[in-house]
Amino acid sequence: ATPSPAATPAAPSSPSSSPYASAPPAAAGPADGSW
């Protein structure tokens, strides 16, 4: 069975005016991992 759209959690939204949201998605780099 395919879950109904109401049962599927929405992706977190990010405000487009935020300076933190302007860079491309992070590629694997030194920050990757658990800290």
PDB file of all heavy atoms in Angstrom:
ATOM      1  N   ALA A   1       0.838  -1.199   0.000  1.00  0.00           N
ATOM      2  CA  ALA A   1       0.000   0.000   0.000  1.00  0.00           C
ATOM      3  C   ALA A   1       0.870   1.244   0.000  1.00  0.00           C
ATOM      4  O   ALA A   1       1.929   1.275   0.601  1.00  0.00           O
ATOM      5  CB  ALA A   1      -0.904   0.005   1.222  1.00  0.00           C
ATOM      6  N   THR A   2       0.434   2.245  -0.699  1.00  0.00           N
ATOM      7  CA  THR A   2       1.150   3.515  -0.725  1.00  0.00           C
ATOM      8  C   THR A   2       0.530   4.430   0.321  1.00  0.00           C
ATOM      9  O   THR A   2      -0.691   4.578   0.362  1.00  0.00           O
ATOM     10  CB  THR A   2       1.025   4.172  -2.122  1.00  0.00           C
ATOM     11  OG1 THR A   2       1.523   3.247  -3.080  1.00  0.00           O
ATOM     12  CG2 THR A   2       1.806   5.463  -2.191  1.00  0.00           C
ATOM     13  N   PRO A   3       1.371   5.043   1.190  1.00  0.00           N
ATOM     14  CA  PRO A   3       0.793   5.915   2.212  1.00  0.00           C
ATOM     15  C   PRO A   3       0.112   7.118   1.596  1.00  0.00           C
ATOM     16  O   PRO A   3       0.537   7.613   0.560  1.00  0.00           O
ATOM     17  CB  PRO A   3       2.011   6.340   3.055  1.00  0.00           C
ATOM     18  CG  PRO A   3       3.207   6.097   2.199  1.00  0.00           C
ATOM     19  CD  PRO A   3       2.829   5.019   1.230  1.00  0.00           C
ATOM     20  N   SER A   4      -0.963   7.553   2.227  1.00  0.00           N
ATOM     21  CA  SER A   4      -1.664   8.723   1.726  1.00  0.00           C
ATOM     22  C   SER A   4      -0.818   9.966   1.959  1.00  0.00           C
ATOM     23  O   SER A   4       0.001   9.999   2.875  1.00  0.00           O
ATOM     24  CB  SER A   4      -3.009   8.867   2.435  1.00  0.00           C
ATOM     25  OG  SER A   4      -2.780   9.203   3.791  1.00  0.00           O
ATOM     26  N   PRO A   5      -0.990  11.026   1.153  1.00  0.00           N
ATOM     27  CA  PRO A   5      -0.215  12.242   1.353  1.00  0.00           C
ATOM     28  C   PRO A   5      -0.346  12.800   2.763  1.00  0.00           C
ATOM     29  O   PRO A   5       0.576  13.367   3.295  1.00  0.00           O
ATOM     30  CB  PRO A   5      -0.783  13.219   0.318  1.00  0.00           C
ATOM     31  CG  PRO A   5      -1.413  12.341  -0.724  1.00  0.00           C
ATOM     32  CD  PRO A   5      -1.867  11.102  -0.005  1.00  0.00           C
ATOM     33  N   ALA A   6      -1.500  12.624   3.401  1.00  0.00           N
ATOM     34  CA  ALA A   6      -1.688  13.148   4.753  1.00  0.00           C
ATOM     35  C   ALA A   6      -0.818  12.402   5.758  1.00  0.00           C
ATOM     36  O   ALA A   6      -0.436  12.944   6.777  1.00  0.00           O
ATOM     37  CB  ALA A   6      -3.155  13.038   5.164  1.00  0.00           C
ATOM     38  N   ALA A   7      -0.461  11.135   5.467  1.00  0.00           N
ATOM     39  CA  ALA A   7       0.342  10.333   6.380  1.00  0.00           C
ATOM     40  C   ALA A   7       1.841  10.554   6.169  1.00  0.00           C
ATOM     41  O   ALA A   7       2.647  10.132   6.956  1.00  0.00           O
ATOM     42  CB  ALA A   7       0.019   8.859   6.201  1.00  0.00           C
ATOM     43  N   THR A   8       2.209  11.176   5.051  1.00  0.00           N
ATOM     44  CA  THR A   8       3.612  11.398   4.750  1.00  0.00           C
ATOM     45  C   THR A   8       4.051  12.725   5.356  1.00  0.00           C
ATOM     46  O   THR A   8       3.455  13.752   5.073  1.00  0.00           O
ATOM     47  CB  THR A   8       3.836  11.440   3.214  1.00  0.00           C
ATOM     48  OG1 THR A   8       3.323  10.221   2.666  1.00  0.00           O
ATOM     49  CG2 THR A   8       5.297  11.599   2.879  1.00  0.00           C
ATOM     50  N   PRO A   9       5.109  12.716   6.214  1.00  0.00           N
ATOM     51  CA  PRO A   9       5.546  13.973   6.827  1.00  0.00           C
ATOM     52  C   PRO A   9       6.086  14.937   5.782  1.00  0.00           C
ATOM     53  O   PRO A   9       6.729  14.528   4.825  1.00  0.00           O
ATOM     54  CB  PRO A   9       6.658  13.555   7.797  1.00  0.00           C
ATOM     55  CG  PRO A   9       6.862  12.090   7.629  1.00  0.00           C
ATOM     56  CD  PRO A   9       5.881  11.575   6.635  1.00  0.00           C
ATOM     57  N   ALA A  10       5.794  16.190   5.973  1.00  0.00           N
ATOM     58  CA  ALA A  10       6.277  17.225   5.055  1.00  0.00           C
ATOM     59  C   ALA A  10       7.744  17.486   5.315  1.00  0.00           C
ATOM     60  O   ALA A  10       8.220  17.396   6.433  1.00  0.00           O
ATOM     61  CB  ALA A  10       5.472  18.506   5.252  1.00  0.00           C
ATOM     62  N   ALA A  11       8.473  17.825   4.255  1.00  0.00           N
ATOM     63  CA  ALA A  11       9.886  18.180   4.401  1.00  0.00           C
ATOM     64  C   ALA A  11       9.974  19.499   5.148  1.00  0.00           C
ATOM     65  O   ALA A  11       9.118  20.374   4.990  1.00  0.00           O
ATOM     66  CB  ALA A  11      10.537  18.312   3.028  1.00  0.00           C
ATOM     67  N   PRO A  12      11.031  19.667   5.982  1.00  0.00           N
ATOM     68  CA  PRO A  12      11.165  20.933   6.702  1.00  0.00           C
ATOM     69  C   PRO A  12      11.303  22.089   5.717  1.00  0.00           C
ATOM     70  O   PRO A  12      12.001  21.984   4.723  1.00  0.00           O
ATOM     71  CB  PRO A  12      12.448  20.769   7.519  1.00  0.00           C
ATOM     72  CG  PRO A  12      12.854  19.340   7.412  1.00  0.00           C
ATOM     73  CD  PRO A  12      12.097  18.747   6.275  1.00  0.00           C
ATOM     74  N   SER A  13      10.607  23.153   5.990  1.00  0.00           N
ATOM     75  CA  SER A  13      10.709  24.312   5.123  1.00  0.00           C
ATOM     76  C   SER A  13      11.800  25.230   5.647  1.00  0.00           C
ATOM     77  O   SER A  13      12.087  25.265   6.825  1.00  0.00           O
ATOM     78  CB  SER A  13       9.377  25.062   5.061  1.00  0.00           C
ATOM     79  OG  SER A  13       9.055  25.533   6.344  1.00  0.00           O
ATOM     80  N   SER A  14      12.421  25.939   4.726  1.00  0.00           N
ATOM     81  CA  SER A  14      13.436  26.893   5.154  1.00  0.00           C
ATOM     82  C   SER A  14      13.121  28.235   4.508  1.00  0.00           C
ATOM     83  O   SER A  14      12.798  28.299   3.331  1.00  0.00           O
ATOM     84  CB  SER A  14      14.835  26.417   4.765  1.00  0.00           C
ATOM     85  OG  SER A  14      14.932  26.250   3.375  1.00  0.00           O
ATOM     86  N   PRO A  15      13.192  29.289   5.281  1.00  0.00           N
ATOM     87  CA  PRO A  15      12.861  30.592   4.727  1.00  0.00           C
ATOM     88  C   PRO A  15      13.860  30.985   3.657  1.00  0.00           C
ATOM     89  O   PRO A  15      15.068  30.894   3.842  1.00  0.00           O
ATOM     90  CB  PRO A  15      12.939  31.531   5.934  1.00  0.00           C
ATOM     91  CG  PRO A  15      13.675  30.786   6.989  1.00  0.00           C
ATOM     92  CD  PRO A  15      13.577  29.342   6.660  1.00  0.00           C
ATOM     93  N   SER A  16      13.345  31.411   2.481  1.00  0.00           N
ATOM     94  CA  SER A  16      14.228  31.753   1.372  1.00  0.00           C
ATOM     95  C   SER A  16      15.018  33.026   1.644  1.00  0.00           C
ATOM     96  O   SER A  16      16.027  33.270   1.006  1.00  0.00           O
ATOM     97  CB  SER A  16      13.408  31.890   0.081  1.00  0.00           C
ATOM     98  OG  SER A  16      12.437  32.910   0.255  1.00  0.00           O
ATOM     99  N   SER A  17      14.599  33.832   2.592  1.00  0.00           N
ATOM    100  CA  SER A  17      15.326  35.058   2.887  1.00  0.00           C
ATOM    101  C   SER A  17      16.490  34.834   3.840  1.00  0.00           C
ATOM    102  O   SER A  17      17.251  35.751   4.115  1.00  0.00           O
ATOM    103  CB  SER A  17      14.374  36.097   3.484  1.00  0.00           C
ATOM    104  OG  SER A  17      13.839  35.592   4.694  1.00  0.00           O
ATOM    105  N   SER A  18      16.655  33.615   4.337  1.00  0.00           N
ATOM    106  CA  SER A  18      17.717  33.315   5.290  1.00  0.00           C
ATOM    107  C   SER A  18      19.079  33.285   4.595  1.00  0.00           C
ATOM    108  O   SER A  18      19.225  32.673   3.551  1.00  0.00           O
ATOM    109  CB  SER A  18      17.456  31.970   5.951  1.00  0.00           C
ATOM    110  OG  SER A  18      18.591  31.567   6.673  1.00  0.00           O
ATOM    111  N   PRO A  19      20.104  33.928   5.169  1.00  0.00           N
ATOM    112  CA  PRO A  19      21.433  33.853   4.581  1.00  0.00           C
ATOM    113  C   PRO A  19      22.013  32.453   4.688  1.00  0.00           C
ATOM    114  O   PRO A  19      22.931  32.102   3.970  1.00  0.00           O
ATOM    115  CB  PRO A  19      22.247  34.842   5.420  1.00  0.00           C
ATOM    116  CG  PRO A  19      21.519  34.942   6.715  1.00  0.00           C
ATOM    117  CD  PRO A  19      20.070  34.722   6.373  1.00  0.00           C
ATOM    118  N   TYR A  20      21.473  31.609   5.543  1.00  0.00           N
ATOM    119  CA  TYR A  20      21.972  30.262   5.717  1.00  0.00           C
ATOM    120  C   TYR A  20      21.496  29.327   4.613  1.00  0.00           C
ATOM    121  O   TYR A  20      22.034  28.251   4.441  1.00  0.00           O
ATOM    122  CB  TYR A  20      21.544  29.702   7.081  1.00  0.00           C
ATOM    123  CG  TYR A  20      22.075  30.522   8.221  1.00  0.00           C
ATOM    124  CD1 TYR A  20      21.293  31.488   8.832  1.00  0.00           C
ATOM    125  CD2 TYR A  20      23.379  30.353   8.666  1.00  0.00           C
ATOM    126  CE1 TYR A  20      21.792  32.247   9.874  1.00  0.00           C
ATOM    127  CE2 TYR A  20      23.882  31.116   9.699  1.00  0.00           C
ATOM    128  CZ  TYR A  20      23.080  32.057  10.301  1.00  0.00           C
ATOM    129  OH  TYR A  20      23.578  32.809  11.319  1.00  0.00           O
ATOM    130  N   ALA A  21      20.469  29.696   3.876  1.00  0.00           N
ATOM    131  CA  ALA A  21      19.878  28.818   2.877  1.00  0.00           C
ATOM    132  C   ALA A  21      20.389  29.083   1.465  1.00  0.00           C
ATOM    133  O   ALA A  21      19.950  28.451   0.535  1.00  0.00           O
ATOM    134  CB  ALA A  21      18.357  28.968   2.907  1.00  0.00           C
ATOM    135  N   SER A  22      21.340  29.979   1.265  1.00  0.00           N
ATOM    136  CA  SER A  22      21.739  30.368  -0.077  1.00  0.00           C
ATOM    137  C   SER A  22      22.806  29.485  -0.709  1.00  0.00           C
ATOM    138  O   SER A  22      22.961  29.481  -1.914  1.00  0.00           O
ATOM    139  CB  SER A  22      22.224  31.820  -0.075  1.00  0.00           C
ATOM    140  OG  SER A  22      23.359  31.934   0.773  1.00  0.00           O
ATOM    141  N   ALA A  23      23.555  28.717   0.044  1.00  0.00           N
ATOM    142  CA  ALA A  23      24.622  27.887  -0.500  1.00  0.00           C
ATOM    143  C   ALA A  23      24.050  26.578  -1.031  1.00  0.00           C
ATOM    144  O   ALA A  23      22.978  26.152  -0.628  1.00  0.00           O
ATOM    145  CB  ALA A  23      25.650  27.598   0.592  1.00  0.00           C
ATOM    146  N   PRO A  24      24.794  25.909  -1.963  1.00  0.00           N
ATOM    147  CA  PRO A  24      24.332  24.613  -2.459  1.00  0.00           C
ATOM    148  C   PRO A  24      24.441  23.552  -1.362  1.00  0.00           C
ATOM    149  O   PRO A  24      25.153  23.753  -0.390  1.00  0.00           O
ATOM    150  CB  PRO A  24      25.300  24.314  -3.607  1.00  0.00           C
ATOM    151  CG  PRO A  24      26.533  25.078  -3.273  1.00  0.00           C
ATOM    152  CD  PRO A  24      26.059  26.318  -2.552  1.00  0.00           C
ATOM    153  N   PRO A  25      23.739  22.400  -1.535  1.00  0.00           N
ATOM    154  CA  PRO A  25      23.839  21.340  -0.531  1.00  0.00           C
ATOM    155  C   PRO A  25      25.293  20.944  -0.302  1.00  0.00           C
ATOM    156  O   PRO A  25      26.088  20.932  -1.234  1.00  0.00           O
ATOM    157  CB  PRO A  25      23.048  20.179  -1.135  1.00  0.00           C
ATOM    158  CG  PRO A  25      22.109  20.821  -2.103  1.00  0.00           C
ATOM    159  CD  PRO A  25      22.827  22.036  -2.622  1.00  0.00           C
ATOM    160  N   ALA A  26      25.626  20.612   0.928  1.00  0.00           N
ATOM    161  CA  ALA A  26      27.002  20.262   1.275  1.00  0.00           C
ATOM    162  C   ALA A  26      27.386  18.937   0.641  1.00  0.00           C
ATOM    163  O   ALA A  26      26.637  17.973   0.675  1.00  0.00           O
ATOM    164  CB  ALA A  26      27.163  20.185   2.789  1.00  0.00           C
ATOM    165  N   ALA A  27      28.564  18.907   0.011  1.00  0.00           N
ATOM    166  CA  ALA A  27      29.139  17.661  -0.463  1.00  0.00           C
ATOM    167  C   ALA A  27      29.890  17.062   0.724  1.00  0.00           C
ATOM    168  O   ALA A  27      30.100  17.721   1.731  1.00  0.00           O
ATOM    169  CB  ALA A  27      30.085  17.954  -1.620  1.00  0.00           C
ATOM    170  N   ALA A  28      30.298  15.822   0.582  1.00  0.00           N
ATOM    171  CA  ALA A  28      31.082  15.213   1.659  1.00  0.00           C
ATOM    172  C   ALA A  28      32.298  16.085   1.928  1.00  0.00           C
ATOM    173  O   ALA A  28      32.993  16.504   1.014  1.00  0.00           O
ATOM    174  CB  ALA A  28      31.497  13.801   1.282  1.00  0.00           C
ATOM    175  N   GLY A  29      32.511  16.406   3.169  1.00  0.00           N
ATOM    176  CA  GLY A  29      33.622  17.268   3.537  1.00  0.00           C
ATOM    177  C   GLY A  29      34.029  17.029   4.967  1.00  0.00           C
ATOM    178  O   GLY A  29      33.543  16.095   5.623  1.00  0.00           O
ATOM    179  N   PRO A  30      34.888  17.881   5.489  1.00  0.00           N
ATOM    180  CA  PRO A  30      35.392  17.677   6.841  1.00  0.00           C
ATOM    181  C   PRO A  30      34.316  17.751   7.929  1.00  0.00           C
ATOM    182  O   PRO A  30      34.502  17.207   9.007  1.00  0.00           O
ATOM    183  CB  PRO A  30      36.437  18.775   7.016  1.00  0.00           C
ATOM    184  CG  PRO A  30      36.154  19.779   5.956  1.00  0.00           C
ATOM    185  CD  PRO A  30      35.461  19.049   4.849  1.00  0.00           C
ATOM    186  N   ALA A  31      33.189  18.387   7.671  1.00  0.00           N
ATOM    187  CA  ALA A  31      32.126  18.487   8.680  1.00  0.00           C
ATOM    188  C   ALA A  31      31.246  17.244   8.706  1.00  0.00           C
ATOM    189  O   ALA A  31      30.479  17.046   9.641  1.00  0.00           O
ATOM    190  CB  ALA A  31      31.275  19.725   8.445  1.00  0.00           C
ATOM    191  N   ASP A  32      31.343  16.393   7.678  1.00  0.00           N
ATOM    192  CA  ASP A  32      30.508  15.193   7.635  1.00  0.00           C
ATOM    193  C   ASP A  32      30.813  14.258   8.797  1.00  0.00           C
ATOM    194  O   ASP A  32      31.965  14.092   9.188  1.00  0.00           O
ATOM    195  CB  ASP A  32      30.717  14.435   6.321  1.00  0.00           C
ATOM    196  CG  ASP A  32      29.772  14.875   5.231  1.00  0.00           C
ATOM    197  OD1 ASP A  32      29.235  15.986   5.330  1.00  0.00           O
ATOM    198  OD2 ASP A  32      29.574  14.100   4.273  1.00  0.00           O
ATOM    199  N   GLY A  33      29.773  13.673   9.343  1.00  0.00           N
ATOM    200  CA  GLY A  33      29.917  12.712  10.420  1.00  0.00           C
ATOM    201  C   GLY A  33      29.103  13.126  11.622  1.00  0.00           C
ATOM    202  O   GLY A  33      28.307  14.061  11.574  1.00  0.00           O
ATOM    203  N   SER A  34      29.309  12.405  12.709  1.00  0.00           N
ATOM    204  CA  SER A  34      28.618  12.707  13.962  1.00  0.00           C
ATOM    205  C   SER A  34      29.606  13.334  14.926  1.00  0.00           C
ATOM    206  O   SER A  34      30.727  12.863  15.084  1.00  0.00           O
ATOM    207  CB  SER A  34      28.045  11.425  14.574  1.00  0.00           C
ATOM    208  OG  SER A  34      27.000  10.944  13.775  1.00  0.00           O
ATOM    209  N   TRP A  35      29.164  14.398  15.582  1.00  0.00           N
ATOM    210  CA  TRP A  35      29.996  15.186  16.480  1.00  0.00           C
ATOM    211  C   TRP A  35      29.267  15.320  17.809  1.00  0.00           C
ATOM    212  O   TRP A  35      28.060  15.532  17.827  1.00  0.00           O
ATOM    213  CB  TRP A  35      30.246  16.564  15.869  1.00  0.00           C
ATOM    214  CG  TRP A  35      30.897  16.509  14.523  1.00  0.00           C
ATOM    215  CD1 TRP A  35      30.272  16.318  13.324  1.00  0.00           C
ATOM    216  CD2 TRP A  35      32.278  16.634  14.238  1.00  0.00           C
ATOM    217  NE1 TRP A  35      31.199  16.337  12.323  1.00  0.00           N
ATOM    218  CE2 TRP A  35      32.444  16.524  12.850  1.00  0.00           C
ATOM    219  CE3 TRP A  35      33.418  16.843  15.039  1.00  0.00           C
ATOM    220  CZ2 TRP A  35      33.685  16.603  12.230  1.00  0.00           C
ATOM    221  CZ3 TRP A  35      34.647  16.931  14.427  1.00  0.00           C
ATOM    222  CH2 TRP A  35      34.782  16.804  13.044  1.00  0.00           C
TER     223      TRP A  35
END
